[in-house]
Amino acid sequence: MFGWLFPETIFPRKLDASAERRLRLAQARSEESIIRAHVDNALMFVDTLAEDLPFDRAIDTYVRVMGIPEPLASTVVTRALVVLGEDLVPFRRRAQEASPREEAAKPALRLNEASDGRQRAVKRA
């Protein structure tokens, strides 16, 4: 119907692989920023209502008042509880500080190298 208005040559339906990858990474960063903002605001909500509500009800109230849909709501609640748990249970933090070898044993992520290698393999084919 609107083919004359949006011709395929100007707006192709399929992005090339590198553009698709960049788009997915930008989307992931955006979603992570939204989650981080909601968690920060939920924690502020907990602090504000600390005298009136227990922390779990305050977080649930924040999610309900803000109208955050699932599965985003579960992610916000879980991450807010993790932050509160880190403040309440300092043992885990001390254990991580005492054994930095675990972090050193994990291999570093090399996203750029992996994607470059995949691109080279595709170009050779």
C-alpha atoms as a PDB file:
ATOM      1  CA  MET A   1       0.000   0.000   0.000  1.00  0.00           C
ATOM      2  CA  PHE A   2       2.729   2.449   0.995  1.00  0.00           C
ATOM      3  CA  GLY A   3       5.384   0.870  -1.218  1.00  0.00           C
ATOM      4  CA  TRP A   4       5.767   4.050  -3.202  1.00  0.00           C
ATOM      5  CA  LEU A   5       6.296   6.026   0.022  1.00  0.00           C
ATOM      6  CA  PHE A   6       8.925   3.708   1.535  1.00  0.00           C
ATOM      7  CA  PRO A   7      10.763   2.014  -1.318  1.00  0.00           C
ATOM      8  CA  GLU A   8      13.001  -0.951  -0.460  1.00  0.00           C
ATOM      9  CA  THR A   9      16.046   0.738  -1.978  1.00  0.00           C
ATOM     10  CA  ILE A  10      15.973   3.521   0.623  1.00  0.00           C
ATOM     11  CA  PHE A  11      14.834   1.464   3.647  1.00  0.00           C
ATOM     12  CA  PRO A  12      16.050  -2.107   3.270  1.00  0.00           C
ATOM     13  CA  ARG A  13      14.273  -4.619   5.480  1.00  0.00           C
ATOM     14  CA  LYS A  14      17.414  -6.538   6.459  1.00  0.00           C
ATOM     15  CA  LEU A  15      20.476  -4.930   8.033  1.00  0.00           C
ATOM     16  CA  ASP A  16      23.929  -6.226   7.257  1.00  0.00           C
ATOM     17  CA  ALA A  17      25.588  -8.317   9.972  1.00  0.00           C
ATOM     18  CA  SER A  18      27.814  -5.586  11.401  1.00  0.00           C
ATOM     19  CA  ALA A  19      24.954  -3.066  11.599  1.00  0.00           C
ATOM     20  CA  GLU A  20      22.736  -5.690  13.232  1.00  0.00           C
ATOM     21  CA  ARG A  21      25.464  -6.407  15.816  1.00  0.00           C
ATOM     22  CA  ARG A  22      25.944  -2.700  16.585  1.00  0.00           C
ATOM     23  CA  LEU A  23      22.188  -2.256  16.884  1.00  0.00           C
ATOM     24  CA  ARG A  24      21.888  -5.181  19.324  1.00  0.00           C
ATOM     25  CA  LEU A  25      24.765  -3.835  21.439  1.00  0.00           C
ATOM     26  CA  ALA A  26      23.213  -0.356  21.544  1.00  0.00           C
ATOM     27  CA  GLN A  27      19.866  -1.862  22.509  1.00  0.00           C
ATOM     28  CA  ALA A  28      21.482  -3.876  25.298  1.00  0.00           C
ATOM     29  CA  ARG A  29      23.233  -0.763  26.648  1.00  0.00           C
ATOM     30  CA  SER A  30      19.950   1.150  26.563  1.00  0.00           C
ATOM     31  CA  GLU A  31      18.045  -1.592  28.357  1.00  0.00           C
ATOM     32  CA  GLU A  32      20.776  -1.843  30.976  1.00  0.00           C
ATOM     33  CA  SER A  33      20.609   1.920  31.572  1.00  0.00           C
ATOM     34  CA  ILE A  34      16.847   1.724  32.068  1.00  0.00           C
ATOM     35  CA  ILE A  35      17.221  -1.140  34.540  1.00  0.00           C
ATOM     36  CA  ARG A  36      19.969   0.699  36.427  1.00  0.00           C
ATOM     37  CA  ALA A  37      17.807   3.837  36.678  1.00  0.00           C
ATOM     38  CA  HIS A  38      14.841   1.817  37.970  1.00  0.00           C
ATOM     39  CA  VAL A  39      17.028   0.047  40.553  1.00  0.00           C
ATOM     40  CA  ASP A  40      18.444   3.373  41.777  1.00  0.00           C
ATOM     41  CA  ASN A  41      14.962   4.834  42.039  1.00  0.00           C
ATOM     42  CA  ALA A  42      13.601   1.719  43.777  1.00  0.00           C
ATOM     43  CA  LEU A  43      16.404   1.970  46.345  1.00  0.00           C
ATOM     44  CA  MET A  44      15.581   5.634  46.900  1.00  0.00           C
ATOM     45  CA  PHE A  45      11.948   4.567  47.357  1.00  0.00           C
ATOM     46  CA  VAL A  46      13.071   2.009  49.970  1.00  0.00           C
ATOM     47  CA  ASP A  47      15.060   4.683  51.823  1.00  0.00           C
ATOM     48  CA  THR A  48      12.148   7.114  51.724  1.00  0.00           C
ATOM     49  CA  LEU A  49       9.617   4.578  53.012  1.00  0.00           C
ATOM     50  CA  ALA A  50      11.951   2.771  55.439  1.00  0.00           C
ATOM     51  CA  GLU A  51       9.938   3.868  58.486  1.00  0.00           C
ATOM     52  CA  ASP A  52       6.592   2.845  56.964  1.00  0.00           C
ATOM     53  CA  LEU A  53       7.240  -0.283  54.872  1.00  0.00           C
ATOM     54  CA  PRO A  54       9.657  -3.205  54.907  1.00  0.00           C
ATOM     55  CA  PHE A  55      12.131  -3.066  52.034  1.00  0.00           C
ATOM     56  CA  ASP A  56      10.532  -5.873  49.997  1.00  0.00           C
ATOM     57  CA  ARG A  57       7.099  -4.241  50.087  1.00  0.00           C
ATOM     58  CA  ALA A  58       8.643  -0.859  49.238  1.00  0.00           C
ATOM     59  CA  ILE A  59      10.302  -2.327  46.134  1.00  0.00           C
ATOM     60  CA  ASP A  60       7.077  -4.058  45.085  1.00  0.00           C
ATOM     61  CA  THR A  61       5.192  -0.794  45.629  1.00  0.00           C
ATOM     62  CA  TYR A  62       7.699   1.062  43.442  1.00  0.00           C
ATOM     63  CA  VAL A  63       7.255  -1.475  40.637  1.00  0.00           C
ATOM     64  CA  ARG A  64       3.463  -1.288  40.898  1.00  0.00           C
ATOM     65  CA  VAL A  65       3.309   2.528  41.109  1.00  0.00           C
ATOM     66  CA  MET A  66       5.658   2.930  38.148  1.00  0.00           C
ATOM     67  CA  GLY A  67       3.733   0.326  36.134  1.00  0.00           C
ATOM     68  CA  ILE A  68       6.872  -1.593  35.185  1.00  0.00           C
ATOM     69  CA  PRO A  69       5.874  -4.601  33.037  1.00  0.00           C
ATOM     70  CA  GLU A  70       7.236  -8.125  33.337  1.00  0.00           C
ATOM     71  CA  PRO A  71       9.962  -9.358  32.834  1.00  0.00           C
ATOM     72  CA  LEU A  72      11.542  -5.960  33.511  1.00  0.00           C
ATOM     73  CA  ALA A  73       9.811  -5.786  36.895  1.00  0.00           C
ATOM     74  CA  SER A  74      11.387  -9.048  38.067  1.00  0.00           C
ATOM     75  CA  THR A  75      14.816  -7.877  36.949  1.00  0.00           C
ATOM     76  CA  VAL A  76      14.457  -4.560  38.809  1.00  0.00           C
ATOM     77  CA  VAL A  77      13.236  -6.290  41.994  1.00  0.00           C
ATOM     78  CA  THR A  78      16.025  -8.870  41.881  1.00  0.00           C
ATOM     79  CA  ARG A  79      18.790  -6.334  41.300  1.00  0.00           C
ATOM     80  CA  ALA A  80      17.460  -3.999  43.997  1.00  0.00           C
ATOM     81  CA  LEU A  81      17.385  -6.905  46.454  1.00  0.00           C
ATOM     82  CA  VAL A  82      20.944  -7.838  45.483  1.00  0.00           C
ATOM     83  CA  VAL A  83      22.137  -4.302  46.250  1.00  0.00           C
ATOM     84  CA  LEU A  84      20.313  -4.331  49.576  1.00  0.00           C
ATOM     85  CA  GLY A  85      21.748  -7.767  50.330  1.00  0.00           C
ATOM     86  CA  GLU A  86      25.285  -6.585  49.674  1.00  0.00           C
ATOM     87  CA  ASP A  87      24.773  -3.825  52.234  1.00  0.00           C
ATOM     88  CA  LEU A  88      23.232  -6.202  54.784  1.00  0.00           C
ATOM     89  CA  VAL A  89      25.632  -9.121  54.336  1.00  0.00           C
ATOM     90  CA  PRO A  90      29.186  -7.759  54.288  1.00  0.00           C
ATOM     91  CA  PHE A  91      30.727 -11.257  54.563  1.00  0.00           C
ATOM     92  CA  ARG A  92      30.443 -11.869  50.817  1.00  0.00           C
ATOM     93  CA  ARG A  93      32.131  -8.553  50.052  1.00  0.00           C
ATOM     94  CA  ARG A  94      34.991  -9.335  52.459  1.00  0.00           C
ATOM     95  CA  ALA A  95      35.390 -12.798  50.944  1.00  0.00           C
ATOM     96  CA  GLN A  96      35.666 -11.321  47.458  1.00  0.00           C
ATOM     97  CA  GLU A  97      38.225  -8.755  48.590  1.00  0.00           C
ATOM     98  CA  ALA A  98      40.259 -11.463  50.347  1.00  0.00           C
ATOM     99  CA  SER A  99      40.449 -13.736  47.281  1.00  0.00           C
ATOM    100  CA  PRO A 100      41.062 -11.666  44.156  1.00  0.00           C
ATOM    101  CA  ARG A 101      42.589 -14.768  42.539  1.00  0.00           C
ATOM    102  CA  GLU A 102      39.140 -15.969  41.426  1.00  0.00           C
ATOM    103  CA  GLU A 103      38.702 -12.898  39.251  1.00  0.00           C
ATOM    104  CA  ALA A 104      42.180 -13.315  37.793  1.00  0.00           C
ATOM    105  CA  ALA A 105      41.459 -16.945  36.934  1.00  0.00           C
ATOM    106  CA  LYS A 106      38.502 -16.040  34.734  1.00  0.00           C
ATOM    107  CA  PRO A 107      39.401 -15.384  31.101  1.00  0.00           C
ATOM    108  CA  ALA A 108      38.835 -11.886  29.785  1.00  0.00           C
ATOM    109  CA  LEU A 109      35.999 -11.398  27.342  1.00  0.00           C
ATOM    110  CA  ARG A 110      37.281 -10.524  23.904  1.00  0.00           C
ATOM    111  CA  LEU A 111      34.188  -9.493  22.015  1.00  0.00           C
ATOM    112  CA  ASN A 112      36.014  -7.399  19.451  1.00  0.00           C
ATOM    113  CA  GLU A 113      38.512 -10.131  18.637  1.00  0.00           C
ATOM    114  CA  ALA A 114      35.769 -12.735  18.307  1.00  0.00           C
ATOM    115  CA  SER A 115      33.686 -10.586  15.996  1.00  0.00           C
ATOM    116  CA  ASP A 116      36.750  -9.592  13.952  1.00  0.00           C
ATOM    117  CA  GLY A 117      37.687 -13.254  13.548  1.00  0.00           C
ATOM    118  CA  ARG A 118      34.177 -14.100  12.433  1.00  0.00           C
ATOM    119  CA  GLN A 119      34.240 -11.268   9.908  1.00  0.00           C
ATOM    120  CA  ARG A 120      37.580 -12.470   8.528  1.00  0.00           C
ATOM    121  CA  ALA A 121      36.234 -15.986   8.191  1.00  0.00           C
ATOM    122  CA  VAL A 122      33.207 -14.700   6.305  1.00  0.00           C
ATOM    123  CA  LYS A 123      35.328 -12.552   3.994  1.00  0.00           C
ATOM    124  CA  ARG A 124      37.584 -15.486   3.130  1.00  0.00           C
ATOM    125  CA  ALA A 125      34.679 -17.696   2.168  1.00  0.00           C
END
